[in-house]
Amino acid sequence: MTAHSNQATQSPERKGSENISQNRTQQLTQDEAKIRSTIYSFSALADQSAFEYLGALFAPEVTLDYTELFGGEVQIVTNQALMQQWAGFLPGFDTTFHELSNMRVSQLEIAAHQKSAQQNSEHQKNAQVNVDFTASHWLGKSYYWSISGEYQFTLANYDGHWVIQSAKLFAKSESGSREVLEKVAPFAAEKLAAKRQRLITIQ
């Protein structure tokens, strides 16, 4: 059978799936790819305690709203202060896993002449991302806590880089015990140092 006849007898179902795949690739713009990469990296880098890289995903000033989960007030912090805060907490767990699903991206155009209050440069685009999540946390064999819900992010484009300006958490369900949250801070520094010893050096 010739190559031509192979192509001619290819099943309609297979051709259809290839067309769908091609269409999806064409519909995903570079901006949307960068936006999605930023949000997926947000969860992965947090789980790996890669705070230097994680901090680069945020704008210089960030608005965080975890009030639905923990109460208190909305926070406005620098990305540096946020990383210091998380570095003193997240590495204390034995394992964390922030699983994301059902990501929805809405890009919003803004006036080109508007300037960022945080950088002396113009940016023309921002975006909103809604994504479902489940964040699971383990410490030893006795402590476990998981929270599920939805994140809502706003992002802005600075010099071609999409960075997170705000994050709001909507809690829907949880399991395990929040008691683990009170146990991890004393272990954070030691565990973070151990993780950094495993890093490789690129020259």
C-alpha atoms as a PDB file:
ATOM      1  CA  MET A   1       0.000   0.000   0.000  1.00  0.00           C
ATOM      2  CA  THR A   2       1.459   3.357  -1.006  1.00  0.00           C
ATOM      3  CA  ALA A   3       1.878   6.389   1.219  1.00  0.00           C
ATOM      4  CA  HIS A   4      -0.866   8.093  -0.773  1.00  0.00           C
ATOM      5  CA  SER A   5      -3.332   5.276  -0.155  1.00  0.00           C
ATOM      6  CA  ASN A   6      -2.424   5.240   3.543  1.00  0.00           C
ATOM      7  CA  GLN A   7      -3.373   8.879   3.784  1.00  0.00           C
ATOM      8  CA  ALA A   8      -6.523   8.368   1.767  1.00  0.00           C
ATOM      9  CA  THR A   9      -7.805   5.571   3.988  1.00  0.00           C
ATOM     10  CA  GLN A  10      -7.084   7.333   7.270  1.00  0.00           C
ATOM     11  CA  SER A  11     -10.180   7.215   9.453  1.00  0.00           C
ATOM     12  CA  PRO A  12     -12.374  10.336   9.653  1.00  0.00           C
ATOM     13  CA  GLU A  13     -12.184  10.151  13.448  1.00  0.00           C
ATOM     14  CA  ARG A  14      -8.381  10.398  13.392  1.00  0.00           C
ATOM     15  CA  LYS A  15      -8.440  13.284  10.925  1.00  0.00           C
ATOM     16  CA  GLY A  16     -10.993  15.069  13.058  1.00  0.00           C
ATOM     17  CA  SER A  17      -8.922  14.745  16.215  1.00  0.00           C
ATOM     18  CA  GLU A  18      -5.862  16.113  14.424  1.00  0.00           C
ATOM     19  CA  ASN A  19      -7.845  19.107  13.181  1.00  0.00           C
ATOM     20  CA  ILE A  20      -9.144  19.817  16.682  1.00  0.00           C
ATOM     21  CA  SER A  21      -5.605  19.646  18.048  1.00  0.00           C
ATOM     22  CA  GLN A  22      -4.355  22.048  15.382  1.00  0.00           C
ATOM     23  CA  ASN A  23      -7.219  24.465  16.006  1.00  0.00           C
ATOM     24  CA  ARG A  24      -6.560  24.518  19.741  1.00  0.00           C
ATOM     25  CA  THR A  25      -2.892  25.261  19.121  1.00  0.00           C
ATOM     26  CA  GLN A  26      -3.763  28.093  16.760  1.00  0.00           C
ATOM     27  CA  GLN A  27      -6.331  29.582  19.136  1.00  0.00           C
ATOM     28  CA  LEU A  28      -3.878  29.791  22.062  1.00  0.00           C
ATOM     29  CA  THR A  29      -2.055  33.101  21.743  1.00  0.00           C
ATOM     30  CA  GLN A  30       1.413  33.733  23.128  1.00  0.00           C
ATOM     31  CA  ASP A  31      -0.070  36.037  25.741  1.00  0.00           C
ATOM     32  CA  GLU A  32      -2.502  33.402  26.950  1.00  0.00           C
ATOM     33  CA  ALA A  33       0.278  30.810  27.014  1.00  0.00           C
ATOM     34  CA  LYS A  34       2.397  33.116  29.168  1.00  0.00           C
ATOM     35  CA  ILE A  35      -0.545  33.841  31.467  1.00  0.00           C
ATOM     36  CA  ARG A  36      -1.301  30.159  31.931  1.00  0.00           C
ATOM     37  CA  SER A  37       2.381  29.396  32.490  1.00  0.00           C
ATOM     38  CA  THR A  38       2.548  32.050  35.217  1.00  0.00           C
ATOM     39  CA  ILE A  39      -0.373  30.521  37.115  1.00  0.00           C
ATOM     40  CA  TYR A  40       0.792  26.928  36.735  1.00  0.00           C
ATOM     41  CA  SER A  41       4.270  28.016  37.851  1.00  0.00           C
ATOM     42  CA  PHE A  42       2.740  29.757  40.869  1.00  0.00           C
ATOM     43  CA  SER A  43       1.575  26.424  42.261  1.00  0.00           C
ATOM     44  CA  ALA A  44       4.581  24.338  41.197  1.00  0.00           C
ATOM     45  CA  LEU A  45       7.219  26.761  42.496  1.00  0.00           C
ATOM     46  CA  ALA A  46       5.403  27.132  45.814  1.00  0.00           C
ATOM     47  CA  ASP A  47       5.419  23.351  46.244  1.00  0.00           C
ATOM     48  CA  GLN A  48       9.152  23.261  45.456  1.00  0.00           C
ATOM     49  CA  SER A  49      10.017  26.159  47.815  1.00  0.00           C
ATOM     50  CA  ALA A  50      11.618  27.978  44.862  1.00  0.00           C
ATOM     51  CA  PHE A  51      10.864  31.390  46.320  1.00  0.00           C
ATOM     52  CA  GLU A  52      13.369  33.397  44.285  1.00  0.00           C
ATOM     53  CA  TYR A  53      11.643  32.277  41.090  1.00  0.00           C
ATOM     54  CA  LEU A  54       8.185  32.380  42.622  1.00  0.00           C
ATOM     55  CA  GLY A  55       8.667  36.006  43.655  1.00  0.00           C
ATOM     56  CA  ALA A  56       9.441  36.958  40.059  1.00  0.00           C
ATOM     57  CA  LEU A  57       5.903  35.898  39.097  1.00  0.00           C
ATOM     58  CA  PHE A  58       4.439  38.720  41.192  1.00  0.00           C
ATOM     59  CA  ALA A  59       4.218  42.459  40.652  1.00  0.00           C
ATOM     60  CA  PRO A  60       6.329  44.604  43.007  1.00  0.00           C
ATOM     61  CA  GLU A  61       3.171  45.202  45.065  1.00  0.00           C
ATOM     62  CA  VAL A  62       0.584  42.448  45.511  1.00  0.00           C
ATOM     63  CA  THR A  63      -2.944  42.385  46.919  1.00  0.00           C
ATOM     64  CA  LEU A  64      -3.856  39.134  48.690  1.00  0.00           C
ATOM     65  CA  ASP A  65      -7.364  38.290  49.860  1.00  0.00           C
ATOM     66  CA  TYR A  66      -7.499  35.137  51.978  1.00  0.00           C
ATOM     67  CA  THR A  67     -10.211  36.546  54.236  1.00  0.00           C
ATOM     68  CA  GLU A  68     -12.790  33.935  53.245  1.00  0.00           C
ATOM     69  CA  LEU A  69     -10.440  31.243  54.547  1.00  0.00           C
ATOM     70  CA  PHE A  70      -8.664  32.853  57.498  1.00  0.00           C
ATOM     71  CA  GLY A  71     -10.630  36.026  58.250  1.00  0.00           C
ATOM     72  CA  GLY A  72      -8.630  39.158  58.992  1.00  0.00           C
ATOM     73  CA  GLU A  73      -7.935  41.854  56.418  1.00  0.00           C
ATOM     74  CA  VAL A  74      -6.923  42.019  52.783  1.00  0.00           C
ATOM     75  CA  GLN A  75      -3.128  42.327  52.577  1.00  0.00           C
ATOM     76  CA  ILE A  76      -1.149  44.646  50.350  1.00  0.00           C
ATOM     77  CA  VAL A  77       2.492  43.558  50.430  1.00  0.00           C
ATOM     78  CA  THR A  78       5.636  43.709  48.333  1.00  0.00           C
ATOM     79  CA  ASN A  79       6.644  40.584  46.481  1.00  0.00           C
ATOM     80  CA  GLN A  80       9.809  40.492  48.608  1.00  0.00           C
ATOM     81  CA  ALA A  81       7.841  40.564  51.872  1.00  0.00           C
ATOM     82  CA  LEU A  82       5.433  37.932  50.566  1.00  0.00           C
ATOM     83  CA  MET A  83       8.256  35.546  49.733  1.00  0.00           C
ATOM     84  CA  GLN A  84       9.812  36.057  53.163  1.00  0.00           C
ATOM     85  CA  GLN A  85       6.443  35.264  54.722  1.00  0.00           C
ATOM     86  CA  TRP A  86       5.887  32.106  52.696  1.00  0.00           C
ATOM     87  CA  ALA A  87       9.492  30.933  53.119  1.00  0.00           C
ATOM     88  CA  GLY A  88       8.972  30.979  56.870  1.00  0.00           C
ATOM     89  CA  PHE A  89       5.962  28.705  56.585  1.00  0.00           C
ATOM     90  CA  LEU A  90       5.546  26.511  53.501  1.00  0.00           C
ATOM     91  CA  PRO A  91       8.859  24.581  53.664  1.00  0.00           C
ATOM     92  CA  GLY A  92       7.903  23.382  57.140  1.00  0.00           C
ATOM     93  CA  PHE A  93       5.494  20.847  55.671  1.00  0.00           C
ATOM     94  CA  ASP A  94       6.846  17.495  54.543  1.00  0.00           C
ATOM     95  CA  THR A  95       4.850  17.844  51.333  1.00  0.00           C
ATOM     96  CA  THR A  96       2.491  20.357  49.765  1.00  0.00           C
ATOM     97  CA  PHE A  97       0.605  19.881  46.516  1.00  0.00           C
ATOM     98  CA  HIS A  98      -1.365  22.703  44.922  1.00  0.00           C
ATOM     99  CA  GLU A  99      -3.390  21.084  42.159  1.00  0.00           C
ATOM    100  CA  LEU A 100      -5.007  23.379  39.574  1.00  0.00           C
ATOM    101  CA  SER A 101      -7.819  22.618  37.132  1.00  0.00           C
ATOM    102  CA  ASN A 102     -10.428  24.272  34.916  1.00  0.00           C
ATOM    103  CA  MET A 103      -8.409  27.437  34.256  1.00  0.00           C
ATOM    104  CA  ARG A 104     -10.337  30.312  32.626  1.00  0.00           C
ATOM    105  CA  VAL A 105      -8.450  33.279  31.184  1.00  0.00           C
ATOM    106  CA  SER A 106      -9.988  36.651  30.316  1.00  0.00           C
ATOM    107  CA  GLN A 107      -7.688  39.249  28.781  1.00  0.00           C
ATOM    108  CA  LEU A 108      -8.652  42.867  29.265  1.00  0.00           C
ATOM    109  CA  GLU A 109      -7.299  45.737  27.216  1.00  0.00           C
ATOM    110  CA  ILE A 110      -6.573  49.025  28.986  1.00  0.00           C
ATOM    111  CA  ALA A 111      -5.578  52.415  27.654  1.00  0.00           C
ATOM    112  CA  ALA A 112      -2.026  52.523  26.364  1.00  0.00           C
ATOM    113  CA  HIS A 113      -1.320  55.829  28.105  1.00  0.00           C
ATOM    114  CA  GLN A 114      -2.149  54.484  31.567  1.00  0.00           C
ATOM    115  CA  LYS A 115       0.947  54.025  33.686  1.00  0.00           C
ATOM    116  CA  SER A 116       1.547  51.496  36.416  1.00  0.00           C
ATOM    117  CA  ALA A 117       1.703  52.906  39.923  1.00  0.00           C
ATOM    118  CA  GLN A 118       4.430  50.368  40.637  1.00  0.00           C
ATOM    119  CA  GLN A 119       6.697  50.821  37.627  1.00  0.00           C
ATOM    120  CA  ASN A 120       7.547  53.863  35.562  1.00  0.00           C
ATOM    121  CA  SER A 121       6.646  52.107  32.345  1.00  0.00           C
ATOM    122  CA  GLU A 122       3.535  51.752  30.244  1.00  0.00           C
ATOM    123  CA  HIS A 123       1.597  48.532  29.943  1.00  0.00           C
ATOM    124  CA  GLN A 124      -1.351  47.929  27.651  1.00  0.00           C
ATOM    125  CA  LYS A 125      -2.827  44.675  28.858  1.00  0.00           C
ATOM    126  CA  ASN A 126      -4.063  42.963  31.946  1.00  0.00           C
ATOM    127  CA  ALA A 127      -5.923  39.740  32.534  1.00  0.00           C
ATOM    128  CA  GLN A 128      -8.113  37.881  34.963  1.00  0.00           C
ATOM    129  CA  VAL A 129      -7.681  34.182  35.665  1.00  0.00           C
ATOM    130  CA  ASN A 130     -10.104  31.966  37.560  1.00  0.00           C
ATOM    131  CA  VAL A 131      -8.899  28.477  38.407  1.00  0.00           C
ATOM    132  CA  ASP A 132     -10.141  25.677  40.632  1.00  0.00           C
ATOM    133  CA  PHE A 133      -7.634  24.324  43.124  1.00  0.00           C
ATOM    134  CA  THR A 134      -7.037  21.766  45.823  1.00  0.00           C
ATOM    135  CA  ALA A 135      -4.134  22.496  48.168  1.00  0.00           C
ATOM    136  CA  SER A 136      -2.997  19.511  50.243  1.00  0.00           C
ATOM    137  CA  HIS A 137      -0.521  19.694  53.134  1.00  0.00           C
ATOM    138  CA  TRP A 138       1.219  16.891  55.035  1.00  0.00           C
ATOM    139  CA  LEU A 139       3.403  16.812  58.142  1.00  0.00           C
ATOM    140  CA  GLY A 140       4.525  13.434  59.428  1.00  0.00           C
ATOM    141  CA  LYS A 141       1.961  10.642  59.617  1.00  0.00           C
ATOM    142  CA  SER A 142      -0.449  12.429  61.921  1.00  0.00           C
ATOM    143  CA  TYR A 143      -1.102  15.825  60.351  1.00  0.00           C
ATOM    144  CA  TYR A 144      -2.949  16.531  57.120  1.00  0.00           C
ATOM    145  CA  TRP A 145      -5.033  19.419  55.846  1.00  0.00           C
ATOM    146  CA  SER A 146      -6.589  20.051  52.442  1.00  0.00           C
ATOM    147  CA  ILE A 147      -8.531  23.032  51.141  1.00  0.00           C
ATOM    148  CA  SER A 148     -10.436  23.197  47.844  1.00  0.00           C
ATOM    149  CA  GLY A 149     -11.969  26.174  46.123  1.00  0.00           C
ATOM    150  CA  GLU A 150     -11.269  28.775  43.474  1.00  0.00           C
ATOM    151  CA  TYR A 151      -8.523  31.323  42.968  1.00  0.00           C
ATOM    152  CA  GLN A 152      -9.132  34.575  41.141  1.00  0.00           C
ATOM    153  CA  PHE A 153      -5.976  36.283  39.901  1.00  0.00           C
ATOM    154  CA  THR A 154      -5.404  39.569  38.145  1.00  0.00           C
ATOM    155  CA  LEU A 155      -2.253  39.899  36.077  1.00  0.00           C
ATOM    156  CA  ALA A 156      -0.529  42.736  34.261  1.00  0.00           C
ATOM    157  CA  ASN A 157       1.954  42.725  31.417  1.00  0.00           C
ATOM    158  CA  TYR A 158       5.265  44.386  32.244  1.00  0.00           C
ATOM    159  CA  ASP A 159       7.740  44.454  29.357  1.00  0.00           C
ATOM    160  CA  GLY A 160       6.342  41.219  27.946  1.00  0.00           C
ATOM    161  CA  HIS A 161       6.143  39.401  31.288  1.00  0.00           C
ATOM    162  CA  TRP A 162       2.769  38.556  32.824  1.00  0.00           C
ATOM    163  CA  VAL A 163       2.918  39.000  36.600  1.00  0.00           C
ATOM    164  CA  ILE A 164       0.346  38.525  39.347  1.00  0.00           C
ATOM    165  CA  GLN A 165      -1.064  41.741  40.817  1.00  0.00           C
ATOM    166  CA  SER A 166      -3.706  40.224  43.063  1.00  0.00           C
ATOM    167  CA  ALA A 167      -4.984  36.869  44.288  1.00  0.00           C
ATOM    168  CA  LYS A 168      -8.319  36.170  45.941  1.00  0.00           C
ATOM    169  CA  LEU A 169      -9.231  32.780  47.392  1.00  0.00           C
ATOM    170  CA  PHE A 170     -12.791  31.451  47.502  1.00  0.00           C
ATOM    171  CA  ALA A 171     -12.978  28.485  49.891  1.00  0.00           C
ATOM    172  CA  LYS A 172     -15.455  25.701  49.105  1.00  0.00           C
ATOM    173  CA  SER A 173     -14.489  22.653  51.166  1.00  0.00           C
ATOM    174  CA  GLU A 174     -11.720  21.338  53.384  1.00  0.00           C
ATOM    175  CA  SER A 175     -10.666  18.117  55.052  1.00  0.00           C
ATOM    176  CA  GLY A 176      -8.226  17.124  57.750  1.00  0.00           C
ATOM    177  CA  SER A 177      -7.273  19.554  60.504  1.00  0.00           C
ATOM    178  CA  ARG A 178      -5.931  23.098  60.458  1.00  0.00           C
ATOM    179  CA  GLU A 179      -3.908  22.119  63.503  1.00  0.00           C
ATOM    180  CA  VAL A 180      -1.030  21.346  61.150  1.00  0.00           C
ATOM    181  CA  LEU A 181      -0.741  25.056  60.311  1.00  0.00           C
ATOM    182  CA  GLU A 182       0.430  25.729  63.855  1.00  0.00           C
ATOM    183  CA  LYS A 183       3.132  23.046  63.705  1.00  0.00           C
ATOM    184  CA  VAL A 184       5.196  23.831  60.617  1.00  0.00           C
ATOM    185  CA  ALA A 185       6.941  27.172  61.202  1.00  0.00           C
ATOM    186  CA  PRO A 186       9.692  25.779  63.505  1.00  0.00           C
ATOM    187  CA  PHE A 187      10.746  23.326  60.763  1.00  0.00           C
ATOM    188  CA  ALA A 188      10.687  25.748  57.812  1.00  0.00           C
ATOM    189  CA  ALA A 189      14.235  27.142  57.929  1.00  0.00           C
ATOM    190  CA  GLU A 190      15.935  23.765  58.341  1.00  0.00           C
ATOM    191  CA  LYS A 191      13.899  22.095  55.613  1.00  0.00           C
ATOM    192  CA  LEU A 192      14.403  25.009  53.220  1.00  0.00           C
ATOM    193  CA  ALA A 193      18.173  24.854  53.785  1.00  0.00           C
ATOM    194  CA  ALA A 194      18.131  21.123  53.064  1.00  0.00           C
ATOM    195  CA  LYS A 195      16.264  21.684  49.795  1.00  0.00           C
ATOM    196  CA  ARG A 196      18.760  24.337  48.713  1.00  0.00           C
ATOM    197  CA  GLN A 197      21.660  21.965  49.271  1.00  0.00           C
ATOM    198  CA  ARG A 198      20.254  19.814  46.481  1.00  0.00           C
ATOM    199  CA  LEU A 199      20.282  22.626  43.921  1.00  0.00           C
ATOM    200  CA  ILE A 200      22.673  22.405  40.990  1.00  0.00           C
ATOM    201  CA  THR A 201      24.927  25.238  39.849  1.00  0.00           C
ATOM    202  CA  ILE A 202      24.832  26.433  36.241  1.00  0.00           C
ATOM    203  CA  GLN A 203      28.006  28.115  34.992  1.00  0.00           C
END
